[in-house]
Amino acid sequence: MAYGELSYLMPLTAKEMDDYELRPSRDNVDIRERMNTQAQAVGAWEVRNGVAEDKRLTVQKPGGQEYLPKPIVTMEQLQRAFDQSLRFPTFSRNRKLQKTDYEAR
């Protein structure tokens, strides 16, 4: 298995990325911006629902209401959590959040 970085003049389509199993780096400006935007919704959702710190995908910036994705979080994990935050704005306090809630099924 090889690892590396490729630069293209035009973004690849989703099919091209799947065909070549390419995943954009979270260091790409557009990916970082998308993740930071998603982190705002996910972070607020995590706080609103009392998600334990060790299960959170975001951290709150000091002195503000802005959230950032944790460094270990993948864009796929954050996307799943973002989708979940839109589908289920709150969840039952009787249900404990499982780590697999953020993982692919």
C-alpha atoms as a PDB file:
ATOM      1  CA  MET A   1       0.000   0.000   0.000  1.00  0.00           C
ATOM      2  CA  ALA A   2       1.375   3.391  -0.948  1.00  0.00           C
ATOM      3  CA  TYR A   3       0.684   6.756   0.567  1.00  0.00           C
ATOM      4  CA  GLY A   4       1.152  10.150  -0.976  1.00  0.00           C
ATOM      5  CA  GLU A   5      -0.417  13.397  -1.985  1.00  0.00           C
ATOM      6  CA  LEU A   6      -1.791  14.322  -5.392  1.00  0.00           C
ATOM      7  CA  SER A   7      -2.799  17.762  -6.611  1.00  0.00           C
ATOM      8  CA  TYR A   8      -5.337  18.292  -9.391  1.00  0.00           C
ATOM      9  CA  LEU A   9      -6.300  21.453 -11.230  1.00  0.00           C
ATOM     10  CA  MET A  10      -9.989  20.542 -10.960  1.00  0.00           C
ATOM     11  CA  PRO A  11     -11.712  18.630  -8.121  1.00  0.00           C
ATOM     12  CA  LEU A  12     -12.365  14.968  -8.816  1.00  0.00           C
ATOM     13  CA  THR A  13     -15.908  13.698  -8.937  1.00  0.00           C
ATOM     14  CA  ALA A  14     -17.148  11.434  -6.147  1.00  0.00           C
ATOM     15  CA  LYS A  15     -17.098   8.494  -8.584  1.00  0.00           C
ATOM     16  CA  GLU A  16     -13.465   9.196  -9.522  1.00  0.00           C
ATOM     17  CA  MET A  17     -12.492   9.322  -5.858  1.00  0.00           C
ATOM     18  CA  ASP A  18     -14.294   6.038  -5.177  1.00  0.00           C
ATOM     19  CA  ASP A  19     -12.784   4.437  -8.283  1.00  0.00           C
ATOM     20  CA  TYR A  20      -9.288   5.296  -7.127  1.00  0.00           C
ATOM     21  CA  GLU A  21     -10.019   5.062  -3.396  1.00  0.00           C
ATOM     22  CA  LEU A  22      -8.712   8.579  -2.986  1.00  0.00           C
ATOM     23  CA  ARG A  23      -9.737  10.548   0.062  1.00  0.00           C
ATOM     24  CA  PRO A  24      -9.052  14.255   0.349  1.00  0.00           C
ATOM     25  CA  SER A  25      -6.730  15.311   3.125  1.00  0.00           C
ATOM     26  CA  ARG A  26      -8.277  17.142   6.046  1.00  0.00           C
ATOM     27  CA  ASP A  27      -5.471  19.654   5.441  1.00  0.00           C
ATOM     28  CA  ASN A  28      -7.132  20.757   2.185  1.00  0.00           C
ATOM     29  CA  VAL A  29      -8.551  24.226   2.698  1.00  0.00           C
ATOM     30  CA  ASP A  30     -12.012  23.293   1.394  1.00  0.00           C
ATOM     31  CA  ILE A  31     -12.171  20.113   3.505  1.00  0.00           C
ATOM     32  CA  ARG A  32     -10.970  21.967   6.596  1.00  0.00           C
ATOM     33  CA  GLU A  33     -13.624  24.659   6.021  1.00  0.00           C
ATOM     34  CA  ARG A  34     -16.348  22.030   5.560  1.00  0.00           C
ATOM     35  CA  MET A  35     -15.288  20.181   8.709  1.00  0.00           C
ATOM     36  CA  ASN A  36     -15.157  23.429  10.701  1.00  0.00           C
ATOM     37  CA  THR A  37     -18.659  24.330   9.516  1.00  0.00           C
ATOM     38  CA  GLN A  38     -19.974  20.874  10.408  1.00  0.00           C
ATOM     39  CA  ALA A  39     -18.204  21.077  13.786  1.00  0.00           C
ATOM     40  CA  GLN A  40     -20.406  24.076  14.705  1.00  0.00           C
ATOM     41  CA  ALA A  41     -23.581  22.007  14.362  1.00  0.00           C
ATOM     42  CA  VAL A  42     -22.078  18.837  15.834  1.00  0.00           C
ATOM     43  CA  GLY A  43     -20.487  20.675  18.780  1.00  0.00           C
ATOM     44  CA  ALA A  44     -23.738  22.429  19.662  1.00  0.00           C
ATOM     45  CA  TRP A  45     -25.582  19.101  19.316  1.00  0.00           C
ATOM     46  CA  GLU A  46     -23.061  17.358  21.603  1.00  0.00           C
ATOM     47  CA  VAL A  47     -23.437  20.068  24.272  1.00  0.00           C
ATOM     48  CA  ARG A  48     -27.237  20.160  23.981  1.00  0.00           C
ATOM     49  CA  ASN A  49     -27.394  16.393  24.419  1.00  0.00           C
ATOM     50  CA  GLY A  50     -24.818  16.146  27.198  1.00  0.00           C
ATOM     51  CA  VAL A  51     -22.360  13.969  25.263  1.00  0.00           C
ATOM     52  CA  ALA A  52     -19.416  13.026  27.499  1.00  0.00           C
ATOM     53  CA  GLU A  53     -16.117  14.696  26.648  1.00  0.00           C
ATOM     54  CA  ASP A  54     -14.401  11.407  25.785  1.00  0.00           C
ATOM     55  CA  LYS A  55     -17.132  10.587  23.246  1.00  0.00           C
ATOM     56  CA  ARG A  56     -17.238  14.017  21.602  1.00  0.00           C
ATOM     57  CA  LEU A  57     -15.917  14.669  18.121  1.00  0.00           C
ATOM     58  CA  THR A  58     -15.415  18.379  18.739  1.00  0.00           C
ATOM     59  CA  VAL A  59     -13.708  20.700  21.191  1.00  0.00           C
ATOM     60  CA  GLN A  60     -14.863  24.178  22.103  1.00  0.00           C
ATOM     61  CA  LYS A  61     -12.441  27.010  21.459  1.00  0.00           C
ATOM     62  CA  PRO A  62     -11.543  28.891  24.647  1.00  0.00           C
ATOM     63  CA  GLY A  63     -13.520  32.063  25.255  1.00  0.00           C
ATOM     64  CA  GLY A  64     -16.152  31.488  22.616  1.00  0.00           C
ATOM     65  CA  GLN A  65     -18.954  29.438  21.220  1.00  0.00           C
ATOM     66  CA  GLU A  66     -16.927  28.139  18.275  1.00  0.00           C
ATOM     67  CA  TYR A  67     -16.191  24.426  17.926  1.00  0.00           C
ATOM     68  CA  LEU A  68     -13.380  22.615  16.147  1.00  0.00           C
ATOM     69  CA  PRO A  69     -13.150  18.966  15.138  1.00  0.00           C
ATOM     70  CA  LYS A  70     -10.786  16.951  17.327  1.00  0.00           C
ATOM     71  CA  PRO A  71      -7.525  16.155  15.501  1.00  0.00           C
ATOM     72  CA  ILE A  72      -8.261  12.403  15.446  1.00  0.00           C
ATOM     73  CA  VAL A  73     -11.715  12.794  13.874  1.00  0.00           C
ATOM     74  CA  THR A  74     -12.081  11.838  10.222  1.00  0.00           C
ATOM     75  CA  MET A  75     -14.230  13.757   7.800  1.00  0.00           C
ATOM     76  CA  GLU A  76     -16.442  10.667   7.437  1.00  0.00           C
ATOM     77  CA  GLN A  77     -17.050  10.484  11.206  1.00  0.00           C
ATOM     78  CA  LEU A  78     -17.890  14.173  11.339  1.00  0.00           C
ATOM     79  CA  GLN A  79     -20.216  13.866   8.334  1.00  0.00           C
ATOM     80  CA  ARG A  80     -22.119  11.000  10.028  1.00  0.00           C
ATOM     81  CA  ALA A  81     -22.412  13.008  13.247  1.00  0.00           C
ATOM     82  CA  PHE A  82     -23.538  16.075  11.279  1.00  0.00           C
ATOM     83  CA  ASP A  83     -26.233  14.032   9.518  1.00  0.00           C
ATOM     84  CA  GLN A  84     -27.304  12.578  12.859  1.00  0.00           C
ATOM     85  CA  SER A  85     -27.518  16.045  14.429  1.00  0.00           C
ATOM     86  CA  LEU A  86     -29.890  17.109  11.668  1.00  0.00           C
ATOM     87  CA  ARG A  87     -32.063  13.977  11.881  1.00  0.00           C
ATOM     88  CA  PHE A  88     -32.180  13.821  15.683  1.00  0.00           C
ATOM     89  CA  PRO A  89     -31.737  17.285  17.255  1.00  0.00           C
ATOM     90  CA  THR A  90     -32.093  15.697  20.701  1.00  0.00           C
ATOM     91  CA  PHE A  91     -32.061  12.150  21.976  1.00  0.00           C
ATOM     92  CA  SER A  92     -33.532  10.534  25.030  1.00  0.00           C
ATOM     93  CA  ARG A  93     -31.614  11.081  28.264  1.00  0.00           C
ATOM     94  CA  ASN A  94     -32.418   7.444  29.082  1.00  0.00           C
ATOM     95  CA  ARG A  95     -30.401   6.263  26.083  1.00  0.00           C
ATOM     96  CA  LYS A  96     -26.654   6.258  26.521  1.00  0.00           C
ATOM     97  CA  LEU A  97     -24.658   7.419  23.514  1.00  0.00           C
ATOM     98  CA  GLN A  98     -22.527   4.626  22.162  1.00  0.00           C
ATOM     99  CA  LYS A  99     -19.238   5.173  20.383  1.00  0.00           C
ATOM    100  CA  THR A 100     -20.708   3.262  17.435  1.00  0.00           C
ATOM    101  CA  ASP A 101     -23.333   6.008  17.001  1.00  0.00           C
ATOM    102  CA  TYR A 102     -20.642   7.908  15.097  1.00  0.00           C
ATOM    103  CA  GLU A 103     -19.155   4.925  13.301  1.00  0.00           C
ATOM    104  CA  ALA A 104     -20.237   3.391  10.009  1.00  0.00           C
ATOM    105  CA  ARG A 105     -22.713   0.615  10.318  1.00  0.00           C
END
